[in-house]
Amino acid sequence: MEAPAQTCVRLVAALEDLVAREAATLEARDFPAVIELQQRASPLVALLGAHASDVTDPALRARLQGLIERRRQTGEWLSEQIEKTREALAETNEGRRRVRQIAPVYGSRCAPVSRQLSAVG
């Protein structure tokens, strides 16, 4: 049977791997994969969070702090991306509203185009 300290080291290593993968998928903007990775990491985070006070090894504590900091940075980055996306959506909606306002001035798109052929002979 594995000692609790060994289990903790193994779990931290697994979480570090998932966090690294998450960073790569975020960079690639593969958001469905990010969600899947976060779901996989969730049990590890919960378990490590529940037993964080039991970690006495300073090196392991430093690794955990690094993971926490990286997750914080990821959260901030995601918040920024969400805000940028909301702003872009608002701009798009505003453009659509303006088009709807001025479209009647130029006539309906559905109006049939009259084409007459006249031959002069």
PDB file of N, CA and C in Angstrom:
ATOM      1  N   MET A   1       0.844  -1.182   0.000  1.00  0.00           N
ATOM      2  CA  MET A   1       0.000   0.000   0.000  1.00  0.00           C
ATOM      3  C   MET A   1       0.888   1.243   0.000  1.00  0.00           C
ATOM      4  N   GLU A   2       0.435   2.227  -0.696  1.00  0.00           N
ATOM      5  CA  GLU A   2       1.175   3.466  -0.882  1.00  0.00           C
ATOM      6  C   GLU A   2       0.993   4.381   0.334  1.00  0.00           C
ATOM      7  N   ALA A   3       2.076   5.021   0.755  1.00  0.00           N
ATOM      8  CA  ALA A   3       2.006   5.968   1.873  1.00  0.00           C
ATOM      9  C   ALA A   3       1.247   7.211   1.426  1.00  0.00           C
ATOM     10  N   PRO A   4       0.561   7.900   2.355  1.00  0.00           N
ATOM     11  CA  PRO A   4      -0.198   9.108   1.992  1.00  0.00           C
ATOM     12  C   PRO A   4       0.655  10.167   1.290  1.00  0.00           C
ATOM     13  N   ALA A   5       1.895  10.323   1.710  1.00  0.00           N
ATOM     14  CA  ALA A   5       2.768  11.311   1.075  1.00  0.00           C
ATOM     15  C   ALA A   5       3.027  10.940  -0.380  1.00  0.00           C
ATOM     16  N   GLN A   6       3.232   9.650  -0.641  1.00  0.00           N
ATOM     17  CA  GLN A   6       3.459   9.197  -2.019  1.00  0.00           C
ATOM     18  C   GLN A   6       2.207   9.406  -2.876  1.00  0.00           C
ATOM     19  N   THR A   7       1.062   9.132  -2.288  1.00  0.00           N
ATOM     20  CA  THR A   7      -0.203   9.340  -2.997  1.00  0.00           C
ATOM     21  C   THR A   7      -0.372  10.804  -3.356  1.00  0.00           C
ATOM     22  N   CYS A   8      -0.056  11.665  -2.413  1.00  0.00           N
ATOM     23  CA  CYS A   8      -0.179  13.103  -2.636  1.00  0.00           C
ATOM     24  C   CYS A   8       0.757  13.559  -3.757  1.00  0.00           C
ATOM     25  N   VAL A   9       1.989  13.070  -3.755  1.00  0.00           N
ATOM     26  CA  VAL A   9       2.949  13.420  -4.805  1.00  0.00           C
ATOM     27  C   VAL A   9       2.424  12.963  -6.158  1.00  0.00           C
ATOM     28  N   ARG A  10       1.890  11.767  -6.202  1.00  0.00           N
ATOM     29  CA  ARG A  10       1.352  11.226  -7.451  1.00  0.00           C
ATOM     30  C   ARG A  10       0.154  12.045  -7.936  1.00  0.00           C
ATOM     31  N   LEU A  11      -0.720  12.445  -7.015  1.00  0.00           N
ATOM     32  CA  LEU A  11      -1.895  13.244  -7.377  1.00  0.00           C
ATOM     33  C   LEU A  11      -1.492  14.638  -7.869  1.00  0.00           C
ATOM     34  N   VAL A  12      -0.507  15.228  -7.211  1.00  0.00           N
ATOM     35  CA  VAL A  12      -0.026  16.549  -7.640  1.00  0.00           C
ATOM     36  C   VAL A  12       0.574  16.449  -9.040  1.00  0.00           C
ATOM     37  N   ALA A  13       1.318  15.396  -9.298  1.00  0.00           N
ATOM     38  CA  ALA A  13       1.904  15.208 -10.633  1.00  0.00           C
ATOM     39  C   ALA A  13       0.804  15.061 -11.688  1.00  0.00           C
ATOM     40  N   ALA A  14      -0.230  14.301 -11.368  1.00  0.00           N
ATOM     41  CA  ALA A  14      -1.350  14.135 -12.301  1.00  0.00           C
ATOM     42  C   ALA A  14      -2.056  15.465 -12.543  1.00  0.00           C
ATOM     43  N   LEU A  15      -2.238  16.238 -11.489  1.00  0.00           N
ATOM     44  CA  LEU A  15      -2.892  17.540 -11.627  1.00  0.00           C
ATOM     45  C   LEU A  15      -2.018  18.501 -12.429  1.00  0.00           C
ATOM     46  N   GLU A  16      -0.707  18.456 -12.202  1.00  0.00           N
ATOM     47  CA  GLU A  16       0.199  19.301 -12.986  1.00  0.00           C
ATOM     48  C   GLU A  16       0.087  18.968 -14.477  1.00  0.00           C
ATOM     49  N   ASP A  17      -0.021  17.686 -14.797  1.00  0.00           N
ATOM     50  CA  ASP A  17      -0.175  17.271 -16.185  1.00  0.00           C
ATOM     51  C   ASP A  17      -1.479  17.804 -16.771  1.00  0.00           C
ATOM     52  N   LEU A  18      -2.558  17.693 -16.024  1.00  0.00           N
ATOM     53  CA  LEU A  18      -3.847  18.192 -16.505  1.00  0.00           C
ATOM     54  C   LEU A  18      -3.822  19.707 -16.686  1.00  0.00           C
ATOM     55  N   VAL A  19      -3.178  20.416 -15.776  1.00  0.00           N
ATOM     56  CA  VAL A  19      -3.093  21.876 -15.873  1.00  0.00           C
ATOM     57  C   VAL A  19      -2.265  22.277 -17.096  1.00  0.00           C
ATOM     58  N   ALA A  20      -1.200  21.549 -17.366  1.00  0.00           N
ATOM     59  CA  ALA A  20      -0.383  21.829 -18.557  1.00  0.00           C
ATOM     60  C   ALA A  20      -1.194  21.587 -19.836  1.00  0.00           C
ATOM     61  N   ARG A  21      -1.950  20.501 -19.855  1.00  0.00           N
ATOM     62  CA  ARG A  21      -2.813  20.227 -21.012  1.00  0.00           C
ATOM     63  C   ARG A  21      -3.875  21.308 -21.169  1.00  0.00           C
ATOM     64  N   GLU A  22      -4.418  21.744 -20.043  1.00  0.00           N
ATOM     65  CA  GLU A  22      -5.433  22.795 -20.070  1.00  0.00           C
ATOM     66  C   GLU A  22      -4.860  24.074 -20.687  1.00  0.00           C
ATOM     67  N   ALA A  23      -3.654  24.436 -20.297  1.00  0.00           N
ATOM     68  CA  ALA A  23      -3.017  25.633 -20.850  1.00  0.00           C
ATOM     69  C   ALA A  23      -2.849  25.509 -22.362  1.00  0.00           C
ATOM     70  N   ALA A  24      -2.448  24.332 -22.821  1.00  0.00           N
ATOM     71  CA  ALA A  24      -2.261  24.125 -24.259  1.00  0.00           C
ATOM     72  C   ALA A  24      -3.595  24.202 -25.005  1.00  0.00           C
ATOM     73  N   THR A  25      -4.632  23.635 -24.439  1.00  0.00           N
ATOM     74  CA  THR A  25      -5.937  23.675 -25.113  1.00  0.00           C
ATOM     75  C   THR A  25      -6.536  25.079 -25.081  1.00  0.00           C
ATOM     76  N   LEU A  26      -6.250  25.820 -24.028  1.00  0.00           N
ATOM     77  CA  LEU A  26      -6.701  27.214 -23.990  1.00  0.00           C
ATOM     78  C   LEU A  26      -6.006  28.024 -25.065  1.00  0.00           C
ATOM     79  N   GLU A  27      -4.719  27.785 -25.214  1.00  0.00           N
ATOM     80  CA  GLU A  27      -3.957  28.498 -26.237  1.00  0.00           C
ATOM     81  C   GLU A  27      -4.506  28.178 -27.631  1.00  0.00           C
ATOM     82  N   ALA A  28      -4.937  26.944 -27.813  1.00  0.00           N
ATOM     83  CA  ALA A  28      -5.518  26.523 -29.086  1.00  0.00           C
ATOM     84  C   ALA A  28      -6.990  26.915 -29.193  1.00  0.00           C
ATOM     85  N   ARG A  29      -7.538  27.477 -28.133  1.00  0.00           N
ATOM     86  CA  ARG A  29      -8.941  27.887 -28.057  1.00  0.00           C
ATOM     87  C   ARG A  29      -9.894  26.710 -28.299  1.00  0.00           C
ATOM     88  N   ASP A  30      -9.514  25.562 -27.785  1.00  0.00           N
ATOM     89  CA  ASP A  30     -10.343  24.365 -27.875  1.00  0.00           C
ATOM     90  C   ASP A  30     -11.138  24.266 -26.573  1.00  0.00           C
ATOM     91  N   PHE A  31     -12.177  25.079 -26.466  1.00  0.00           N
ATOM     92  CA  PHE A  31     -12.907  25.215 -25.219  1.00  0.00           C
ATOM     93  C   PHE A  31     -13.648  23.948 -24.786  1.00  0.00           C
ATOM     94  N   PRO A  32     -14.210  23.144 -25.695  1.00  0.00           N
ATOM     95  CA  PRO A  32     -14.805  21.880 -25.238  1.00  0.00           C
ATOM     96  C   PRO A  32     -13.771  20.974 -24.566  1.00  0.00           C
ATOM     97  N   ALA A  33     -12.542  20.952 -25.091  1.00  0.00           N
ATOM     98  CA  ALA A  33     -11.492  20.140 -24.470  1.00  0.00           C
ATOM     99  C   ALA A  33     -11.105  20.709 -23.110  1.00  0.00           C
ATOM    100  N   VAL A  34     -11.123  22.020 -22.970  1.00  0.00           N
ATOM    101  CA  VAL A  34     -10.816  22.646 -21.676  1.00  0.00           C
ATOM    102  C   VAL A  34     -11.840  22.210 -20.638  1.00  0.00           C
ATOM    103  N   ILE A  35     -13.089  22.206 -21.026  1.00  0.00           N
ATOM    104  CA  ILE A  35     -14.154  21.799 -20.095  1.00  0.00           C
ATOM    105  C   ILE A  35     -13.948  20.349 -19.665  1.00  0.00           C
ATOM    106  N   GLU A  36     -13.603  19.497 -20.625  1.00  0.00           N
ATOM    107  CA  GLU A  36     -13.372  18.087 -20.305  1.00  0.00           C
ATOM    108  C   GLU A  36     -12.188  17.934 -19.349  1.00  0.00           C
ATOM    109  N   LEU A  37     -11.121  18.679 -19.596  1.00  0.00           N
ATOM    110  CA  LEU A  37      -9.953  18.618 -18.709  1.00  0.00           C
ATOM    111  C   LEU A  37     -10.290  19.136 -17.314  1.00  0.00           C
ATOM    112  N   GLN A  38     -11.082  20.198 -17.238  1.00  0.00           N
ATOM    113  CA  GLN A  38     -11.468  20.714 -15.933  1.00  0.00           C
ATOM    114  C   GLN A  38     -12.327  19.714 -15.168  1.00  0.00           C
ATOM    115  N   GLN A  39     -13.170  18.995 -15.888  1.00  0.00           N
ATOM    116  CA  GLN A  39     -13.983  17.961 -15.233  1.00  0.00           C
ATOM    117  C   GLN A  39     -13.108  16.829 -14.720  1.00  0.00           C
ATOM    118  N   ARG A  40     -12.071  16.495 -15.485  1.00  0.00           N
ATOM    119  CA  ARG A  40     -11.146  15.443 -15.043  1.00  0.00           C
ATOM    120  C   ARG A  40     -10.324  15.907 -13.846  1.00  0.00           C
ATOM    121  N   ALA A  41      -9.967  17.180 -13.815  1.00  0.00           N
ATOM    122  CA  ALA A  41      -9.137  17.710 -12.729  1.00  0.00           C
ATOM    123  C   ALA A  41      -9.939  17.952 -11.454  1.00  0.00           C
ATOM    124  N   SER A  42     -11.218  18.144 -11.581  1.00  0.00           N
ATOM    125  CA  SER A  42     -12.051  18.495 -10.428  1.00  0.00           C
ATOM    126  C   SER A  42     -11.914  17.545  -9.233  1.00  0.00           C
ATOM    127  N   PRO A  43     -11.964  16.224  -9.422  1.00  0.00           N
ATOM    128  CA  PRO A  43     -11.817  15.341  -8.264  1.00  0.00           C
ATOM    129  C   PRO A  43     -10.438  15.459  -7.606  1.00  0.00           C
ATOM    130  N   LEU A  44      -9.404  15.664  -8.432  1.00  0.00           N
ATOM    131  CA  LEU A  44      -8.057  15.829  -7.869  1.00  0.00           C
ATOM    132  C   LEU A  44      -7.971  17.109  -7.035  1.00  0.00           C
ATOM    133  N   VAL A  45      -8.545  18.172  -7.569  1.00  0.00           N
ATOM    134  CA  VAL A  45      -8.531  19.447  -6.846  1.00  0.00           C
ATOM    135  C   VAL A  45      -9.279  19.309  -5.528  1.00  0.00           C
ATOM    136  N   ALA A  46     -10.431  18.653  -5.566  1.00  0.00           N
ATOM    137  CA  ALA A  46     -11.218  18.474  -4.346  1.00  0.00           C
ATOM    138  C   ALA A  46     -10.466  17.649  -3.309  1.00  0.00           C
ATOM    139  N   LEU A  47      -9.859  16.561  -3.759  1.00  0.00           N
ATOM    140  CA  LEU A  47      -9.128  15.691  -2.845  1.00  0.00           C
ATOM    141  C   LEU A  47      -7.913  16.409  -2.249  1.00  0.00           C
ATOM    142  N   LEU A  48      -7.143  17.077  -3.112  1.00  0.00           N
ATOM    143  CA  LEU A  48      -5.971  17.805  -2.613  1.00  0.00           C
ATOM    144  C   LEU A  48      -6.377  18.968  -1.715  1.00  0.00           C
ATOM    145  N   GLY A  49      -7.466  19.611  -2.057  1.00  0.00           N
ATOM    146  CA  GLY A  49      -7.952  20.711  -1.212  1.00  0.00           C
ATOM    147  C   GLY A  49      -8.375  20.230   0.165  1.00  0.00           C
ATOM    148  N   ALA A  50      -8.985  19.056   0.214  1.00  0.00           N
ATOM    149  CA  ALA A  50      -9.435  18.505   1.487  1.00  0.00           C
ATOM    150  C   ALA A  50      -8.272  18.093   2.373  1.00  0.00           C
ATOM    151  N   HIS A  51      -7.147  17.732   1.752  1.00  0.00           N
ATOM    152  CA  HIS A  51      -6.009  17.244   2.529  1.00  0.00           C
ATOM    153  C   HIS A  51      -4.793  18.167   2.455  1.00  0.00           C
ATOM    154  N   ALA A  52      -4.997  19.396   2.015  1.00  0.00           N
ATOM    155  CA  ALA A  52      -3.871  20.339   1.869  1.00  0.00           C
ATOM    156  C   ALA A  52      -3.173  20.600   3.195  1.00  0.00           C
ATOM    157  N   SER A  53      -3.930  20.605   4.254  1.00  0.00           N
ATOM    158  CA  SER A  53      -3.314  20.884   5.558  1.00  0.00           C
ATOM    159  C   SER A  53      -2.409  19.737   6.013  1.00  0.00           C
ATOM    160  N   ASP A  54      -2.591  18.546   5.436  1.00  0.00           N
ATOM    161  CA  ASP A  54      -1.764  17.396   5.799  1.00  0.00           C
ATOM    162  C   ASP A  54      -0.408  17.397   5.097  1.00  0.00           C
ATOM    163  N   VAL A  55      -0.245  18.253   4.092  1.00  0.00           N
ATOM    164  CA  VAL A  55       1.004  18.288   3.320  1.00  0.00           C
ATOM    165  C   VAL A  55       2.052  19.038   4.134  1.00  0.00           C
ATOM    166  N   THR A  56       3.102  18.328   4.480  1.00  0.00           N
ATOM    167  CA  THR A  56       4.169  18.944   5.283  1.00  0.00           C
ATOM    168  C   THR A  56       5.447  19.165   4.491  1.00  0.00           C
ATOM    169  N   ASP A  57       5.578  18.487   3.365  1.00  0.00           N
ATOM    170  CA  ASP A  57       6.776  18.610   2.536  1.00  0.00           C
ATOM    171  C   ASP A  57       6.787  19.993   1.864  1.00  0.00           C
ATOM    172  N   PRO A  58       7.831  20.820   2.130  1.00  0.00           N
ATOM    173  CA  PRO A  58       7.880  22.164   1.549  1.00  0.00           C
ATOM    174  C   PRO A  58       7.911  22.170   0.016  1.00  0.00           C
ATOM    175  N   ALA A  59       8.579  21.202  -0.591  1.00  0.00           N
ATOM    176  CA  ALA A  59       8.637  21.145  -2.051  1.00  0.00           C
ATOM    177  C   ALA A  59       7.254  20.862  -2.640  1.00  0.00           C
ATOM    178  N   LEU A  60       6.531  19.971  -1.982  1.00  0.00           N
ATOM    179  CA  LEU A  60       5.183  19.644  -2.446  1.00  0.00           C
ATOM    180  C   LEU A  60       4.242  20.823  -2.236  1.00  0.00           C
ATOM    181  N   ARG A  61       4.393  21.517  -1.119  1.00  0.00           N
ATOM    182  CA  ARG A  61       3.594  22.726  -0.870  1.00  0.00           C
ATOM    183  C   ARG A  61       3.860  23.777  -1.949  1.00  0.00           C
ATOM    184  N   ALA A  62       5.129  23.917  -2.342  1.00  0.00           N
ATOM    185  CA  ALA A  62       5.482  24.882  -3.389  1.00  0.00           C
ATOM    186  C   ALA A  62       4.838  24.489  -4.720  1.00  0.00           C
ATOM    187  N   ARG A  63       4.816  23.209  -5.020  1.00  0.00           N
ATOM    188  CA  ARG A  63       4.169  22.744  -6.256  1.00  0.00           C
ATOM    189  C   ARG A  63       2.673  23.038  -6.236  1.00  0.00           C
ATOM    190  N   LEU A  64       2.067  22.802  -5.065  1.00  0.00           N
ATOM    191  CA  LEU A  64       0.633  23.098  -4.930  1.00  0.00           C
ATOM    192  C   LEU A  64       0.369  24.592  -5.087  1.00  0.00           C
ATOM    193  N   GLN A  65       1.220  25.410  -4.486  1.00  0.00           N
ATOM    194  CA  GLN A  65       1.058  26.863  -4.623  1.00  0.00           C
ATOM    195  C   GLN A  65       1.205  27.276  -6.090  1.00  0.00           C
ATOM    196  N   GLY A  66       2.145  26.660  -6.794  1.00  0.00           N
ATOM    197  CA  GLY A  66       2.314  26.936  -8.225  1.00  0.00           C
ATOM    198  C   GLY A  66       1.074  26.588  -9.020  1.00  0.00           C
ATOM    199  N   LEU A  67       0.466  25.458  -8.686  1.00  0.00           N
ATOM    200  CA  LEU A  67      -0.772  25.058  -9.362  1.00  0.00           C
ATOM    201  C   LEU A  67      -1.904  26.037  -9.073  1.00  0.00           C
ATOM    202  N   ILE A  68      -2.004  26.454  -7.830  1.00  0.00           N
ATOM    203  CA  ILE A  68      -3.044  27.411  -7.457  1.00  0.00           C
ATOM    204  C   ILE A  68      -2.852  28.723  -8.219  1.00  0.00           C
ATOM    205  N   GLU A  69      -1.612  29.187  -8.300  1.00  0.00           N
ATOM    206  CA  GLU A  69      -1.327  30.431  -9.023  1.00  0.00           C
ATOM    207  C   GLU A  69      -1.639  30.294 -10.510  1.00  0.00           C
ATOM    208  N   ARG A  70      -1.273  29.167 -11.070  1.00  0.00           N
ATOM    209  CA  ARG A  70      -1.546  28.951 -12.501  1.00  0.00           C
ATOM    210  C   ARG A  70      -3.042  28.918 -12.768  1.00  0.00           C
ATOM    211  N   ARG A  71      -3.791  28.277 -11.896  1.00  0.00           N
ATOM    212  CA  ARG A  71      -5.256  28.227 -12.037  1.00  0.00           C
ATOM    213  C   ARG A  71      -5.852  29.628 -11.908  1.00  0.00           C
ATOM    214  N   ARG A  72      -5.290  30.437 -11.001  1.00  0.00           N
ATOM    215  CA  ARG A  72      -5.773  31.809 -10.839  1.00  0.00           C
ATOM    216  C   ARG A  72      -5.538  32.595 -12.132  1.00  0.00           C
ATOM    217  N   GLN A  73      -4.358  32.441 -12.707  1.00  0.00           N
ATOM    218  CA  GLN A  73      -4.036  33.135 -13.953  1.00  0.00           C
ATOM    219  C   GLN A  73      -4.949  32.671 -15.092  1.00  0.00           C
ATOM    220  N   THR A  74      -5.213  31.380 -15.137  1.00  0.00           N
ATOM    221  CA  THR A  74      -6.110  30.841 -16.150  1.00  0.00           C
ATOM    222  C   THR A  74      -7.507  31.428 -15.991  1.00  0.00           C
ATOM    223  N   GLY A  75      -7.971  31.518 -14.765  1.00  0.00           N
ATOM    224  CA  GLY A  75      -9.287  32.108 -14.507  1.00  0.00           C
ATOM    225  C   GLY A  75      -9.354  33.558 -14.946  1.00  0.00           C
ATOM    226  N   GLU A  76      -8.304  34.311 -14.666  1.00  0.00           N
ATOM    227  CA  GLU A  76      -8.259  35.712 -15.093  1.00  0.00           C
ATOM    228  C   GLU A  76      -8.267  35.816 -16.612  1.00  0.00           C
ATOM    229  N   TRP A  77      -7.469  34.975 -17.276  1.00  0.00           N
ATOM    230  CA  TRP A  77      -7.410  34.996 -18.727  1.00  0.00           C
ATOM    231  C   TRP A  77      -8.780  34.675 -19.322  1.00  0.00           C
ATOM    232  N   LEU A  78      -9.440  33.649 -18.766  1.00  0.00           N
ATOM    233  CA  LEU A  78     -10.766  33.289 -19.261  1.00  0.00           C
ATOM    234  C   LEU A  78     -11.757  34.425 -19.054  1.00  0.00           C
ATOM    235  N   SER A  79     -11.680  35.101 -17.921  1.00  0.00           N
ATOM    236  CA  SER A  79     -12.570  36.244 -17.667  1.00  0.00           C
ATOM    237  C   SER A  79     -12.347  37.347 -18.688  1.00  0.00           C
ATOM    238  N   GLU A  80     -11.088  37.606 -19.016  1.00  0.00           N
ATOM    239  CA  GLU A  80     -10.770  38.615 -20.029  1.00  0.00           C
ATOM    240  C   GLU A  80     -11.330  38.210 -21.392  1.00  0.00           C
ATOM    241  N   GLN A  81     -11.186  36.939 -21.745  1.00  0.00           N
ATOM    242  CA  GLN A  81     -11.693  36.465 -23.032  1.00  0.00           C
ATOM    243  C   GLN A  81     -13.211  36.543 -23.096  1.00  0.00           C
ATOM    244  N   ILE A  82     -13.860  36.227 -22.000  1.00  0.00           N
ATOM    245  CA  ILE A  82     -15.324  36.316 -21.944  1.00  0.00           C
ATOM    246  C   ILE A  82     -15.754  37.768 -22.135  1.00  0.00           C
ATOM    247  N   GLU A  83     -15.066  38.696 -21.480  1.00  0.00           N
ATOM    248  CA  GLU A  83     -15.403  40.117 -21.607  1.00  0.00           C
ATOM    249  C   GLU A  83     -15.180  40.603 -23.040  1.00  0.00           C
ATOM    250  N   LYS A  84     -14.068  40.209 -23.662  1.00  0.00           N
ATOM    251  CA  LYS A  84     -13.809  40.594 -25.054  1.00  0.00           C
ATOM    252  C   LYS A  84     -14.888  40.045 -25.977  1.00  0.00           C
ATOM    253  N   THR A  85     -15.303  38.813 -25.735  1.00  0.00           N
ATOM    254  CA  THR A  85     -16.339  38.198 -26.558  1.00  0.00           C
ATOM    255  C   THR A  85     -17.666  38.915 -26.380  1.00  0.00           C
ATOM    256  N   ARG A  86     -17.978  39.290 -25.159  1.00  0.00           N
ATOM    257  CA  ARG A  86     -19.219  40.046 -24.907  1.00  0.00           C
ATOM    258  C   ARG A  86     -19.193  41.393 -25.623  1.00  0.00           C
ATOM    259  N   GLU A  87     -18.045  42.058 -25.583  1.00  0.00           N
ATOM    260  CA  GLU A  87     -17.913  43.349 -26.266  1.00  0.00           C
ATOM    261  C   GLU A  87     -18.077  43.176 -27.776  1.00  0.00           C
ATOM    262  N   ALA A  88     -17.465  42.144 -28.337  1.00  0.00           N
ATOM    263  CA  ALA A  88     -17.586  41.892 -29.777  1.00  0.00           C
ATOM    264  C   ALA A  88     -19.029  41.571 -30.148  1.00  0.00           C
ATOM    265  N   LEU A  89     -19.716  40.831 -29.310  1.00  0.00           N
ATOM    266  CA  LEU A  89     -21.117  40.507 -29.554  1.00  0.00           C
ATOM    267  C   LEU A  89     -21.977  41.770 -29.500  1.00  0.00           C
ATOM    268  N   ALA A  90     -21.698  42.637 -28.529  1.00  0.00           N
ATOM    269  CA  ALA A  90     -22.443  43.895 -28.428  1.00  0.00           C
ATOM    270  C   ALA A  90     -22.221  44.757 -29.671  1.00  0.00           C
ATOM    271  N   GLU A  91     -20.984  44.802 -30.170  1.00  0.00           N
ATOM    272  CA  GLU A  91     -20.689  45.565 -31.391  1.00  0.00           C
ATOM    273  C   GLU A  91     -21.434  44.971 -32.589  1.00  0.00           C
ATOM    274  N   THR A  92     -21.457  43.657 -32.678  1.00  0.00           N
ATOM    275  CA  THR A  92     -22.170  42.997 -33.770  1.00  0.00           C
ATOM    276  C   THR A  92     -23.660  43.299 -33.698  1.00  0.00           C
ATOM    277  N   ASN A  93     -24.221  43.223 -32.508  1.00  0.00           N
ATOM    278  CA  ASN A  93     -25.645  43.521 -32.340  1.00  0.00           C
ATOM    279  C   ASN A  93     -25.949  44.968 -32.687  1.00  0.00           C
ATOM    280  N   GLU A  94     -25.055  45.872 -32.316  1.00  0.00           N
ATOM    281  CA  GLU A  94     -25.250  47.286 -32.645  1.00  0.00           C
ATOM    282  C   GLU A  94     -25.206  47.484 -34.157  1.00  0.00           C
ATOM    283  N   GLY A  95     -24.290  46.821 -34.834  1.00  0.00           N
ATOM    284  CA  GLY A  95     -24.219  46.900 -36.295  1.00  0.00           C
ATOM    285  C   GLY A  95     -25.487  46.379 -36.949  1.00  0.00           C
ATOM    286  N   ARG A  96     -25.992  45.288 -36.452  1.00  0.00           N
ATOM    287  CA  ARG A  96     -27.248  44.737 -36.987  1.00  0.00           C
ATOM    288  C   ARG A  96     -28.410  45.703 -36.772  1.00  0.00           C
ATOM    289  N   ARG A  97     -28.436  46.318 -35.611  1.00  0.00           N
ATOM    290  CA  ARG A  97     -29.512  47.284 -35.318  1.00  0.00           C
ATOM    291  C   ARG A  97     -29.450  48.448 -36.300  1.00  0.00           C
ATOM    292  N   ARG A  98     -28.251  48.937 -36.563  1.00  0.00           N
ATOM    293  CA  ARG A  98     -28.101  50.051 -37.504  1.00  0.00           C
ATOM    294  C   ARG A  98     -28.530  49.651 -38.913  1.00  0.00           C
ATOM    295  N   VAL A  99     -28.160  48.454 -39.316  1.00  0.00           N
ATOM    296  CA  VAL A  99     -28.561  47.982 -40.642  1.00  0.00           C
ATOM    297  C   VAL A  99     -30.077  47.903 -40.732  1.00  0.00           C
ATOM    298  N   ARG A 100     -30.719  47.387 -39.695  1.00  0.00           N
ATOM    299  CA  ARG A 100     -32.190  47.306 -39.697  1.00  0.00           C
ATOM    300  C   ARG A 100     -32.816  48.689 -39.788  1.00  0.00           C
ATOM    301  N   GLN A 101     -32.168  49.687 -39.194  1.00  0.00           N
ATOM    302  CA  GLN A 101     -32.718  51.043 -39.241  1.00  0.00           C
ATOM    303  C   GLN A 101     -32.596  51.670 -40.627  1.00  0.00           C
ATOM    304  N   ILE A 102     -31.489  51.438 -41.298  1.00  0.00           N
ATOM    305  CA  ILE A 102     -31.305  52.102 -42.584  1.00  0.00           C
ATOM    306  C   ILE A 102     -31.752  51.255 -43.770  1.00  0.00           C
ATOM    307  N   ALA A 103     -32.004  49.991 -43.584  1.00  0.00           N
ATOM    308  CA  ALA A 103     -32.406  49.116 -44.685  1.00  0.00           C
ATOM    309  C   ALA A 103     -33.652  49.626 -45.410  1.00  0.00           C
ATOM    310  N   PRO A 104     -34.668  50.121 -44.716  1.00  0.00           N
ATOM    311  CA  PRO A 104     -35.858  50.596 -45.434  1.00  0.00           C
ATOM    312  C   PRO A 104     -35.553  51.741 -46.407  1.00  0.00           C
ATOM    313  N   VAL A 105     -34.553  52.526 -46.139  1.00  0.00           N
ATOM    314  CA  VAL A 105     -34.197  53.638 -47.009  1.00  0.00           C
ATOM    315  C   VAL A 105     -33.764  53.122 -48.385  1.00  0.00           C
ATOM    316  N   TYR A 106     -33.130  51.987 -48.405  1.00  0.00           N
ATOM    317  CA  TYR A 106     -32.618  51.426 -49.651  1.00  0.00           C
ATOM    318  C   TYR A 106     -33.579  50.443 -50.302  1.00  0.00           C
ATOM    319  N   GLY A 107     -34.713  50.240 -49.719  1.00  0.00           N
ATOM    320  CA  GLY A 107     -35.699  49.346 -50.300  1.00  0.00           C
ATOM    321  C   GLY A 107     -35.565  47.940 -49.767  1.00  0.00           C
ATOM    322  N   SER A 108     -36.550  47.187 -50.066  1.00  0.00           N
ATOM    323  CA  SER A 108     -36.599  45.810 -49.580  1.00  0.00           C
ATOM    324  C   SER A 108     -35.742  44.911 -50.456  1.00  0.00           C
ATOM    325  N   ARG A 109     -35.093  43.983 -49.852  1.00  0.00           N
ATOM    326  CA  ARG A 109     -34.305  43.008 -50.604  1.00  0.00           C
ATOM    327  C   ARG A 109     -35.212  42.071 -51.390  1.00  0.00           C
ATOM    328  N   CYS A 110     -36.445  41.966 -50.947  1.00  0.00           N
ATOM    329  CA  CYS A 110     -37.353  41.020 -51.571  1.00  0.00           C
ATOM    330  C   CYS A 110     -38.078  41.619 -52.782  1.00  0.00           C
ATOM    331  N   ALA A 111     -37.918  42.890 -53.029  1.00  0.00           N
ATOM    332  CA  ALA A 111     -38.603  43.519 -54.156  1.00  0.00           C
ATOM    333  C   ALA A 111     -38.072  42.921 -55.457  1.00  0.00           C
ATOM    334  N   PRO A 112     -38.984  42.529 -56.340  1.00  0.00           N
ATOM    335  CA  PRO A 112     -38.527  41.935 -57.597  1.00  0.00           C
ATOM    336  C   PRO A 112     -37.825  42.990 -58.456  1.00  0.00           C
ATOM    337  N   VAL A 113     -36.797  42.550 -59.112  1.00  0.00           N
ATOM    338  CA  VAL A 113     -36.050  43.428 -60.005  1.00  0.00           C
ATOM    339  C   VAL A 113     -36.700  43.335 -61.375  1.00  0.00           C
ATOM    340  N   SER A 114     -37.092  44.471 -61.903  1.00  0.00           N
ATOM    341  CA  SER A 114     -37.749  44.495 -63.210  1.00  0.00           C
ATOM    342  C   SER A 114     -36.676  44.640 -64.283  1.00  0.00           C
ATOM    343  N   ARG A 115     -36.652  43.679 -65.160  1.00  0.00           N
ATOM    344  CA  ARG A 115     -35.706  43.749 -66.274  1.00  0.00           C
ATOM    345  C   ARG A 115     -36.525  43.646 -67.576  1.00  0.00           C
ATOM    346  N   GLN A 116     -36.405  44.673 -68.342  1.00  0.00           N
ATOM    347  CA  GLN A 116     -37.111  44.675 -69.621  1.00  0.00           C
ATOM    348  C   GLN A 116     -36.085  44.687 -70.731  1.00  0.00           C
ATOM    349  N   LEU A 117     -36.387  43.926 -71.720  1.00  0.00           N
ATOM    350  CA  LEU A 117     -35.539  43.883 -72.889  1.00  0.00           C
ATOM    351  C   LEU A 117     -36.242  44.637 -74.001  1.00  0.00           C
ATOM    352  N   SER A 118     -35.529  45.584 -74.521  1.00  0.00           N
ATOM    353  CA  SER A 118     -36.141  46.302 -75.645  1.00  0.00           C
ATOM    354  C   SER A 118     -35.185  46.230 -76.804  1.00  0.00           C
ATOM    355  N   ALA A 119     -35.724  45.827 -77.889  1.00  0.00           N
ATOM    356  CA  ALA A 119     -34.900  45.691 -79.093  1.00  0.00           C
ATOM    357  C   ALA A 119     -35.293  46.795 -80.058  1.00  0.00           C
ATOM    358  N   VAL A 120     -34.316  47.466 -80.534  1.00  0.00           N
ATOM    359  CA  VAL A 120     -34.552  48.515 -81.518  1.00  0.00           C
ATOM    360  C   VAL A 120     -34.034  47.985 -82.851  1.00  0.00           C
ATOM    361  N   GLY A 121     -34.892  48.058 -83.821  1.00  0.00           N
ATOM    362  CA  GLY A 121     -34.481  47.424 -85.045  1.00  0.00           C
ATOM    363  C   GLY A 121     -34.478  48.186 -86.227  1.00  0.00           C
TER     364      GLY A 121
END
